């Protein structure tokens, strides 16, 4: 894709010129590309990508605001949306997977320090989770730790089950998810920090597994 500073004698343009060039604008950037007739390949590898893309779209649509927050921070100032950032990280990790053990809930933003640990365990209808942090440098503070519980499943199928999120502001940082159906769940956690310059940072997520009885 080539950026176009002055297509059609300086006028902004969209659409195609004959069957050779297509003009369009994306996120405020005018560009031109060669006109092509879309194909609809259905090889095994391409179907893996399509299926995971569809799954992640459905997960994203059902995820709460706390889940979206680090992706919005990552996408800020970049030529992509928060949803596209989420896709960018997770499609390569899940294409060959049959569960959500590799799911990324936060990519790490603005130098956020990783959590020291995450543990999760399940009981009859519930999951408890706890996270610990390393000592922070002078001037850093923690806003909260986010915990996410999502029903484990094959990312090549349609998304099903639940995705839930909670935050905790006090030590010990923990969460309890209740009214859950029996099965395997993935629990993710990350921290949001305030840096000395008052900007926000997010740690990369950790993930653990828990079984609900």
C-alpha atoms as a PDB file:
ATOM      1  CA  UNK A   1       0.000   0.000   0.000  1.00  0.00           C
ATOM      2  CA  UNK A   2       1.467   3.349  -1.023  1.00  0.00           C
ATOM      3  CA  UNK A   3       0.620   6.672   0.626  1.00  0.00           C
ATOM      4  CA  UNK A   4      -0.652   9.221  -1.842  1.00  0.00           C
ATOM      5  CA  UNK A   5       0.082  12.888  -1.043  1.00  0.00           C
ATOM      6  CA  UNK A   6      -1.732  14.427  -3.987  1.00  0.00           C
ATOM      7  CA  UNK A   7      -3.894  12.015  -5.972  1.00  0.00           C
ATOM      8  CA  UNK A   8      -5.853  13.403  -8.864  1.00  0.00           C
ATOM      9  CA  UNK A   9      -4.161  16.840  -8.883  1.00  0.00           C
ATOM     10  CA  UNK A  10      -4.322  17.368  -5.113  1.00  0.00           C
ATOM     11  CA  UNK A  11      -7.938  16.356  -4.549  1.00  0.00           C
ATOM     12  CA  UNK A  12      -8.790  13.646  -2.108  1.00  0.00           C
ATOM     13  CA  UNK A  13     -10.144  10.599  -3.885  1.00  0.00           C
ATOM     14  CA  UNK A  14     -11.776   7.278  -3.211  1.00  0.00           C
ATOM     15  CA  UNK A  15     -12.858   4.392  -5.381  1.00  0.00           C
ATOM     16  CA  UNK A  16     -11.169   2.916  -8.428  1.00  0.00           C
ATOM     17  CA  UNK A  17      -9.857   4.370 -11.668  1.00  0.00           C
ATOM     18  CA  UNK A  18     -10.740   1.853 -14.352  1.00  0.00           C
ATOM     19  CA  UNK A  19      -9.361  -1.518 -13.347  1.00  0.00           C
ATOM     20  CA  UNK A  20      -5.897  -0.307 -12.430  1.00  0.00           C
ATOM     21  CA  UNK A  21      -5.756   1.926  -9.308  1.00  0.00           C
ATOM     22  CA  UNK A  22      -7.869   2.214  -6.162  1.00  0.00           C
ATOM     23  CA  UNK A  23      -7.792   5.368  -4.005  1.00  0.00           C
ATOM     24  CA  UNK A  24      -8.930   5.375  -0.377  1.00  0.00           C
ATOM     25  CA  UNK A  25      -8.284   6.856   3.058  1.00  0.00           C
ATOM     26  CA  UNK A  26      -7.564   4.935   6.264  1.00  0.00           C
ATOM     27  CA  UNK A  27      -7.269   6.678   9.660  1.00  0.00           C
ATOM     28  CA  UNK A  28      -6.748  10.001   7.919  1.00  0.00           C
ATOM     29  CA  UNK A  29      -4.024   8.787   5.526  1.00  0.00           C
ATOM     30  CA  UNK A  30      -4.756   8.922   1.795  1.00  0.00           C
ATOM     31  CA  UNK A  31      -3.344   5.969  -0.147  1.00  0.00           C
ATOM     32  CA  UNK A  32      -3.456   4.274  -3.513  1.00  0.00           C
ATOM     33  CA  UNK A  33      -3.095   0.600  -4.364  1.00  0.00           C
ATOM     34  CA  UNK A  34      -3.306  -1.640  -7.382  1.00  0.00           C
ATOM     35  CA  UNK A  35      -6.796  -2.871  -8.186  1.00  0.00           C
ATOM     36  CA  UNK A  36      -7.108  -6.616  -7.647  1.00  0.00           C
ATOM     37  CA  UNK A  37      -9.979  -9.044  -7.851  1.00  0.00           C
ATOM     38  CA  UNK A  38     -10.390 -10.630  -4.389  1.00  0.00           C
ATOM     39  CA  UNK A  39      -9.815 -14.342  -4.147  1.00  0.00           C
ATOM     40  CA  UNK A  40     -11.391 -16.668  -1.647  1.00  0.00           C
ATOM     41  CA  UNK A  41      -8.696 -19.215  -0.835  1.00  0.00           C
ATOM     42  CA  UNK A  42      -9.653 -22.003   1.534  1.00  0.00           C
ATOM     43  CA  UNK A  43      -6.449 -23.873   2.251  1.00  0.00           C
ATOM     44  CA  UNK A  44      -6.036 -25.450   5.677  1.00  0.00           C
ATOM     45  CA  UNK A  45      -3.630 -22.743   6.833  1.00  0.00           C
ATOM     46  CA  UNK A  46      -5.856 -19.924   5.610  1.00  0.00           C
ATOM     47  CA  UNK A  47      -8.886 -21.437   7.308  1.00  0.00           C
ATOM     48  CA  UNK A  48      -6.970 -21.579  10.583  1.00  0.00           C
ATOM     49  CA  UNK A  49      -6.367 -17.852  10.393  1.00  0.00           C
ATOM     50  CA  UNK A  50      -9.973 -17.109   9.433  1.00  0.00           C
ATOM     51  CA  UNK A  51     -11.396 -19.250  12.218  1.00  0.00           C
ATOM     52  CA  UNK A  52      -9.145 -17.737  14.889  1.00  0.00           C
ATOM     53  CA  UNK A  53      -9.877 -14.241  13.577  1.00  0.00           C
ATOM     54  CA  UNK A  54     -13.606 -14.908  13.909  1.00  0.00           C
ATOM     55  CA  UNK A  55     -13.175 -16.383  17.412  1.00  0.00           C
ATOM     56  CA  UNK A  56     -11.144 -13.407  18.638  1.00  0.00           C
ATOM     57  CA  UNK A  57     -13.681 -10.970  17.183  1.00  0.00           C
ATOM     58  CA  UNK A  58     -16.425 -12.673  19.170  1.00  0.00           C
ATOM     59  CA  UNK A  59     -14.335 -12.747  22.345  1.00  0.00           C
ATOM     60  CA  UNK A  60     -13.479  -9.054  21.954  1.00  0.00           C
ATOM     61  CA  UNK A  61     -17.121  -8.099  21.458  1.00  0.00           C
ATOM     62  CA  UNK A  62     -18.106  -9.854  24.710  1.00  0.00           C
ATOM     63  CA  UNK A  63     -15.104  -8.762  26.770  1.00  0.00           C
ATOM     64  CA  UNK A  64     -15.630  -6.062  29.440  1.00  0.00           C
ATOM     65  CA  UNK A  65     -14.023  -2.619  29.392  1.00  0.00           C
ATOM     66  CA  UNK A  66     -11.193  -3.670  31.713  1.00  0.00           C
ATOM     67  CA  UNK A  67     -10.089  -6.163  29.059  1.00  0.00           C
ATOM     68  CA  UNK A  68     -10.039  -3.489  26.345  1.00  0.00           C
ATOM     69  CA  UNK A  69      -8.076  -0.930  28.367  1.00  0.00           C
ATOM     70  CA  UNK A  70      -4.450  -2.061  27.802  1.00  0.00           C
ATOM     71  CA  UNK A  71      -5.097  -2.540  24.084  1.00  0.00           C
ATOM     72  CA  UNK A  72      -6.459   0.994  23.782  1.00  0.00           C
ATOM     73  CA  UNK A  73      -3.310   2.252  25.507  1.00  0.00           C
ATOM     74  CA  UNK A  74      -1.099   0.181  23.182  1.00  0.00           C
ATOM     75  CA  UNK A  75      -2.897   1.439  20.055  1.00  0.00           C
ATOM     76  CA  UNK A  76      -2.778   5.107  21.094  1.00  0.00           C
ATOM     77  CA  UNK A  77      -0.571   6.991  18.633  1.00  0.00           C
ATOM     78  CA  UNK A  78      -0.276   3.987  16.321  1.00  0.00           C
ATOM     79  CA  UNK A  79      -2.093   3.476  12.997  1.00  0.00           C
ATOM     80  CA  UNK A  80      -4.322   0.690  14.336  1.00  0.00           C
ATOM     81  CA  UNK A  81      -7.302   0.246  16.639  1.00  0.00           C
ATOM     82  CA  UNK A  82      -7.387  -1.453  20.012  1.00  0.00           C
ATOM     83  CA  UNK A  83      -9.189  -4.429  18.472  1.00  0.00           C
ATOM     84  CA  UNK A  84      -6.619  -4.684  15.682  1.00  0.00           C
ATOM     85  CA  UNK A  85      -3.808  -4.621  18.248  1.00  0.00           C
ATOM     86  CA  UNK A  86      -5.480  -7.488  20.124  1.00  0.00           C
ATOM     87  CA  UNK A  87      -5.735  -9.448  16.868  1.00  0.00           C
ATOM     88  CA  UNK A  88      -2.155  -8.691  15.896  1.00  0.00           C
ATOM     89  CA  UNK A  89      -0.785 -10.266  19.072  1.00  0.00           C
ATOM     90  CA  UNK A  90      -3.124 -13.219  19.415  1.00  0.00           C
ATOM     91  CA  UNK A  91      -3.731 -14.625  15.925  1.00  0.00           C
ATOM     92  CA  UNK A  92      -0.144 -15.946  15.513  1.00  0.00           C
ATOM     93  CA  UNK A  93      -0.238 -17.461  19.020  1.00  0.00           C
ATOM     94  CA  UNK A  94      -3.567 -19.255  18.590  1.00  0.00           C
ATOM     95  CA  UNK A  95      -3.440 -20.435  14.943  1.00  0.00           C
ATOM     96  CA  UNK A  96      -1.870 -23.761  15.918  1.00  0.00           C
ATOM     97  CA  UNK A  97      -3.457 -24.041  19.374  1.00  0.00           C
ATOM     98  CA  UNK A  98      -6.417 -26.086  20.583  1.00  0.00           C
ATOM     99  CA  UNK A  99      -6.904 -24.128  23.818  1.00  0.00           C
ATOM    100  CA  UNK A 100      -6.384 -20.619  25.205  1.00  0.00           C
ATOM    101  CA  UNK A 101      -3.158 -21.245  27.117  1.00  0.00           C
ATOM    102  CA  UNK A 102      -1.344 -18.704  24.919  1.00  0.00           C
ATOM    103  CA  UNK A 103      -3.991 -15.959  25.011  1.00  0.00           C
ATOM    104  CA  UNK A 104      -2.548 -12.478  25.670  1.00  0.00           C
ATOM    105  CA  UNK A 105      -4.736 -10.154  27.726  1.00  0.00           C
ATOM    106  CA  UNK A 106      -2.254  -7.277  27.915  1.00  0.00           C
ATOM    107  CA  UNK A 107       0.770  -6.770  25.650  1.00  0.00           C
ATOM    108  CA  UNK A 108       2.623  -4.604  28.157  1.00  0.00           C
ATOM    109  CA  UNK A 109       2.482  -0.860  27.576  1.00  0.00           C
ATOM    110  CA  UNK A 110       4.776   2.071  28.388  1.00  0.00           C
ATOM    111  CA  UNK A 111       7.297  -0.020  30.290  1.00  0.00           C
ATOM    112  CA  UNK A 112       4.897  -1.570  32.783  1.00  0.00           C
ATOM    113  CA  UNK A 113       6.626  -4.047  35.077  1.00  0.00           C
ATOM    114  CA  UNK A 114       5.557  -7.689  34.909  1.00  0.00           C
ATOM    115  CA  UNK A 115       3.702  -9.282  37.782  1.00  0.00           C
ATOM    116  CA  UNK A 116       5.816 -11.487  40.036  1.00  0.00           C
ATOM    117  CA  UNK A 117       3.281 -14.329  40.083  1.00  0.00           C
ATOM    118  CA  UNK A 118      -0.285 -15.415  39.369  1.00  0.00           C
ATOM    119  CA  UNK A 119      -2.071 -18.375  40.948  1.00  0.00           C
ATOM    120  CA  UNK A 120      -5.621 -19.607  40.387  1.00  0.00           C
ATOM    121  CA  UNK A 121      -7.703 -22.463  41.749  1.00  0.00           C
ATOM    122  CA  UNK A 122     -11.255 -23.642  41.263  1.00  0.00           C
ATOM    123  CA  UNK A 123     -13.997 -25.058  43.436  1.00  0.00           C
ATOM    124  CA  UNK A 124     -17.687 -25.831  43.110  1.00  0.00           C
ATOM    125  CA  UNK A 125     -18.922 -23.021  40.879  1.00  0.00           C
ATOM    126  CA  UNK A 126     -16.108 -20.583  41.566  1.00  0.00           C
ATOM    127  CA  UNK A 127     -12.500 -19.564  40.893  1.00  0.00           C
ATOM    128  CA  UNK A 128     -10.149 -17.653  43.177  1.00  0.00           C
ATOM    129  CA  UNK A 129      -7.010 -15.940  41.890  1.00  0.00           C
ATOM    130  CA  UNK A 130      -4.152 -14.010  43.471  1.00  0.00           C
ATOM    131  CA  UNK A 131      -1.285 -11.988  42.011  1.00  0.00           C
ATOM    132  CA  UNK A 132       1.911 -10.625  43.549  1.00  0.00           C
ATOM    133  CA  UNK A 133       4.071  -7.722  42.396  1.00  0.00           C
ATOM    134  CA  UNK A 134       7.731  -6.887  42.532  1.00  0.00           C
ATOM    135  CA  UNK A 135       8.826  -3.776  44.423  1.00  0.00           C
ATOM    136  CA  UNK A 136       8.328  -0.702  42.250  1.00  0.00           C
ATOM    137  CA  UNK A 137      10.888   2.034  41.542  1.00  0.00           C
ATOM    138  CA  UNK A 138      10.601   5.371  43.329  1.00  0.00           C
ATOM    139  CA  UNK A 139       7.737   7.450  41.958  1.00  0.00           C
ATOM    140  CA  UNK A 140       5.792   4.506  40.526  1.00  0.00           C
ATOM    141  CA  UNK A 141       2.435   3.478  42.011  1.00  0.00           C
ATOM    142  CA  UNK A 142      -0.057   0.748  41.245  1.00  0.00           C
ATOM    143  CA  UNK A 143      -3.631   1.663  40.337  1.00  0.00           C
ATOM    144  CA  UNK A 144      -5.000  -1.881  40.351  1.00  0.00           C
ATOM    145  CA  UNK A 145      -4.533  -5.448  39.199  1.00  0.00           C
ATOM    146  CA  UNK A 146      -7.004  -6.768  36.614  1.00  0.00           C
ATOM    147  CA  UNK A 147      -8.134 -10.384  36.711  1.00  0.00           C
ATOM    148  CA  UNK A 148      -9.949 -12.011  33.793  1.00  0.00           C
ATOM    149  CA  UNK A 149     -11.613 -15.428  33.725  1.00  0.00           C
ATOM    150  CA  UNK A 150     -12.494 -16.969  30.366  1.00  0.00           C
ATOM    151  CA  UNK A 151     -13.863 -20.416  29.596  1.00  0.00           C
ATOM    152  CA  UNK A 152     -11.126 -22.471  27.948  1.00  0.00           C
ATOM    153  CA  UNK A 153     -11.937 -23.661  24.425  1.00  0.00           C
ATOM    154  CA  UNK A 154     -10.584 -24.309  20.968  1.00  0.00           C
ATOM    155  CA  UNK A 155      -9.982 -20.922  19.294  1.00  0.00           C
ATOM    156  CA  UNK A 156     -10.955 -22.379  15.921  1.00  0.00           C
ATOM    157  CA  UNK A 157     -14.570 -22.756  17.059  1.00  0.00           C
ATOM    158  CA  UNK A 158     -17.175 -20.093  17.737  1.00  0.00           C
ATOM    159  CA  UNK A 159     -16.603 -18.362  21.085  1.00  0.00           C
ATOM    160  CA  UNK A 160     -18.791 -19.741  23.863  1.00  0.00           C
ATOM    161  CA  UNK A 161     -18.988 -19.612  27.627  1.00  0.00           C
ATOM    162  CA  UNK A 162     -18.053 -16.560  29.647  1.00  0.00           C
ATOM    163  CA  UNK A 163     -15.411 -13.867  29.887  1.00  0.00           C
ATOM    164  CA  UNK A 164     -15.440 -11.873  33.122  1.00  0.00           C
ATOM    165  CA  UNK A 165     -13.143  -9.233  34.637  1.00  0.00           C
ATOM    166  CA  UNK A 166     -12.503  -7.698  38.058  1.00  0.00           C
ATOM    167  CA  UNK A 167      -9.938  -5.293  39.456  1.00  0.00           C
ATOM    168  CA  UNK A 168      -8.394  -5.067  42.931  1.00  0.00           C
ATOM    169  CA  UNK A 169      -6.607  -2.051  44.407  1.00  0.00           C
ATOM    170  CA  UNK A 170      -5.236  -3.498  47.654  1.00  0.00           C
ATOM    171  CA  UNK A 171      -2.747  -6.109  48.802  1.00  0.00           C
ATOM    172  CA  UNK A 172      -3.161  -9.044  48.552  1.00  0.00           C
ATOM    173  CA  UNK A 173      -4.355  -8.516  44.980  1.00  0.00           C
ATOM    174  CA  UNK A 174      -7.032 -11.126  44.418  1.00  0.00           C
ATOM    175  CA  UNK A 175     -10.363 -11.892  42.760  1.00  0.00           C
ATOM    176  CA  UNK A 176     -13.183 -14.398  43.058  1.00  0.00           C
ATOM    177  CA  UNK A 177     -15.389 -15.395  40.128  1.00  0.00           C
ATOM    178  CA  UNK A 178     -18.601 -17.183  41.078  1.00  0.00           C
ATOM    179  CA  UNK A 179     -21.684 -18.765  39.487  1.00  0.00           C
ATOM    180  CA  UNK A 180     -19.493 -20.556  36.947  1.00  0.00           C
ATOM    181  CA  UNK A 181     -20.378 -23.724  35.119  1.00  0.00           C
ATOM    182  CA  UNK A 182     -18.061 -26.700  35.537  1.00  0.00           C
ATOM    183  CA  UNK A 183     -15.097 -26.914  33.210  1.00  0.00           C
ATOM    184  CA  UNK A 184     -11.602 -25.566  32.578  1.00  0.00           C
ATOM    185  CA  UNK A 185     -10.963 -21.822  32.651  1.00  0.00           C
ATOM    186  CA  UNK A 186      -8.015 -19.589  31.877  1.00  0.00           C
ATOM    187  CA  UNK A 187      -7.295 -16.773  34.328  1.00  0.00           C
ATOM    188  CA  UNK A 188      -5.281 -13.784  33.161  1.00  0.00           C
ATOM    189  CA  UNK A 189      -3.921 -10.918  35.226  1.00  0.00           C
ATOM    190  CA  UNK A 190      -2.007  -7.695  34.680  1.00  0.00           C
ATOM    191  CA  UNK A 191      -1.361  -4.449  36.535  1.00  0.00           C
ATOM    192  CA  UNK A 192      -2.036  -0.830  35.658  1.00  0.00           C
ATOM    193  CA  UNK A 193       0.545   1.625  37.011  1.00  0.00           C
ATOM    194  CA  UNK A 194       0.954   5.378  37.282  1.00  0.00           C
ATOM    195  CA  UNK A 195       4.486   6.482  36.410  1.00  0.00           C
ATOM    196  CA  UNK A 196       6.366   9.455  37.902  1.00  0.00           C
ATOM    197  CA  UNK A 197       5.282  11.621  34.944  1.00  0.00           C
ATOM    198  CA  UNK A 198       1.607  10.703  35.640  1.00  0.00           C
ATOM    199  CA  UNK A 199       1.322   8.587  32.488  1.00  0.00           C
ATOM    200  CA  UNK A 200      -0.188   5.107  32.668  1.00  0.00           C
ATOM    201  CA  UNK A 201       1.623   1.819  32.096  1.00  0.00           C
ATOM    202  CA  UNK A 202       0.404  -1.769  31.885  1.00  0.00           C
ATOM    203  CA  UNK A 203       2.265  -4.952  32.663  1.00  0.00           C
ATOM    204  CA  UNK A 204       2.213  -7.861  30.223  1.00  0.00           C
ATOM    205  CA  UNK A 205      -0.392 -10.404  31.251  1.00  0.00           C
ATOM    206  CA  UNK A 206       0.241 -13.684  33.014  1.00  0.00           C
ATOM    207  CA  UNK A 207      -2.077 -16.655  32.540  1.00  0.00           C
ATOM    208  CA  UNK A 208      -3.010 -19.612  34.717  1.00  0.00           C
ATOM    209  CA  UNK A 209      -5.480 -22.477  34.577  1.00  0.00           C
ATOM    210  CA  UNK A 210      -8.274 -23.421  36.976  1.00  0.00           C
ATOM    211  CA  UNK A 211     -10.911 -26.167  36.969  1.00  0.00           C
ATOM    212  CA  UNK A 212     -14.430 -25.464  38.192  1.00  0.00           C
ATOM    213  CA  UNK A 213     -16.284 -28.456  39.632  1.00  0.00           C
END
